[in-house]
Amino acid sequence: MSTSAPPSSVRPAGGFGPILRALRYLRRYRLEALGALLSLLLVSVANLAAPQMIRIAIDEGLARGERRPVLMAVGGLVAIA
């Protein structure tokens, strides 16, 4: 087993090179890439909002015996689905 240093021609992994190459490739597809990014952001927001809707339904609706917060939370869940 050798413990010598790697040859100088071998570049270490990482850095911004692969990212910059990918961004140069995406230049042609700006609108599609922007649409994909916006879609990912919307899905992330929906995934974060769903548990909050359930929390509202339980804490403000079921625990207090009120129907309106439960219906609003269910409507919100249907809207984000």
Protein backbone atom coordinates (compact mmCIF):
# COMPACT_ATOMS: atom_id res chain seq x y z
CA MET A 1 0.00 0.00 0.00
CA SER A 2 1.48 3.29 -1.10
CA THR A 3 1.00 6.58 0.72
CA SER A 4 2.53 8.81 -1.95
CA ALA A 5 0.83 12.03 -3.02
CA PRO A 6 -1.32 11.95 -6.15
CA PRO A 7 0.32 13.08 -9.39
CA SER A 8 0.07 16.77 -10.13
CA SER A 9 -2.01 16.10 -13.26
CA VAL A 10 -4.91 14.75 -11.17
CA ARG A 11 -7.27 17.48 -10.03
CA PRO A 12 -9.07 17.12 -6.71
CA ALA A 13 -12.80 16.54 -6.87
CA GLY A 14 -15.13 19.38 -6.12
CA GLY A 15 -14.97 23.04 -6.89
CA PHE A 16 -17.20 25.11 -9.12
CA GLY A 17 -16.07 23.69 -12.46
CA PRO A 18 -18.90 21.18 -12.92
CA ILE A 19 -21.47 23.72 -11.74
CA LEU A 20 -20.23 26.34 -14.20
CA ARG A 21 -20.29 23.78 -17.03
CA ALA A 22 -23.89 22.89 -16.16
CA LEU A 23 -24.90 26.55 -16.05
CA ARG A 24 -23.30 27.14 -19.46
CA TYR A 25 -25.29 24.21 -20.82
CA LEU A 26 -28.52 25.59 -19.33
CA ARG A 27 -28.02 28.97 -21.04
CA ARG A 28 -29.90 27.64 -24.07
CA TYR A 29 -32.79 26.51 -21.90
CA ARG A 30 -33.25 29.56 -19.68
CA LEU A 31 -37.04 29.55 -19.65
CA GLU A 32 -37.28 25.82 -19.10
CA ALA A 33 -34.72 25.92 -16.29
CA LEU A 34 -36.47 28.88 -14.67
CA GLY A 35 -39.81 27.07 -14.93
CA ALA A 36 -38.31 23.97 -13.34
CA LEU A 37 -36.80 26.06 -10.51
CA LEU A 38 -40.11 27.81 -9.85
CA SER A 39 -41.93 24.48 -9.87
CA LEU A 40 -39.50 23.05 -7.32
CA LEU A 41 -39.97 26.11 -5.10
CA LEU A 42 -43.76 25.83 -5.29
CA VAL A 43 -43.67 22.13 -4.43
CA SER A 44 -41.38 22.87 -1.48
CA VAL A 45 -43.73 25.57 -0.20
CA ALA A 46 -46.70 23.22 -0.55
CA ASN A 47 -44.85 20.49 1.34
CA LEU A 48 -44.08 22.92 4.15
CA ALA A 49 -47.61 24.35 4.24
CA ALA A 50 -49.48 21.05 4.52
CA PRO A 51 -48.38 20.20 8.09
CA GLN A 52 -49.16 23.77 9.15
CA MET A 53 -52.69 23.44 7.79
CA ILE A 54 -53.15 20.27 9.79
CA ARG A 55 -51.77 22.02 12.90
CA ILE A 56 -54.25 24.85 12.46
CA ALA A 57 -57.13 22.41 12.00
CA ILE A 58 -56.22 20.59 15.21
CA ASP A 59 -55.12 23.47 17.45
CA GLU A 60 -57.63 26.11 16.43
CA GLY A 61 -60.48 23.93 15.25
CA LEU A 62 -60.76 20.57 16.94
CA ALA A 63 -59.25 21.61 20.29
CA ARG A 64 -61.58 24.62 20.59
CA GLY A 65 -64.57 22.89 19.06
CA GLU A 66 -64.80 25.34 16.15
CA ARG A 67 -65.70 24.23 12.66
CA ARG A 68 -64.45 27.19 10.59
CA PRO A 69 -60.66 26.65 11.12
CA VAL A 70 -61.07 22.97 10.24
CA LEU A 71 -62.93 23.79 7.02
CA MET A 72 -60.39 26.47 6.11
CA ALA A 73 -57.50 24.07 6.70
CA VAL A 74 -59.17 21.34 4.65
CA GLY A 75 -59.80 23.87 1.87
CA GLY A 76 -56.13 24.88 1.99
CA LEU A 77 -55.04 21.26 1.78
CA VAL A 78 -57.29 20.69 -1.22
CA ALA A 79 -55.93 23.86 -2.85
CA ILE A 80 -52.31 22.81 -2.50
CA ALA A 81 -52.95 19.22 -3.57
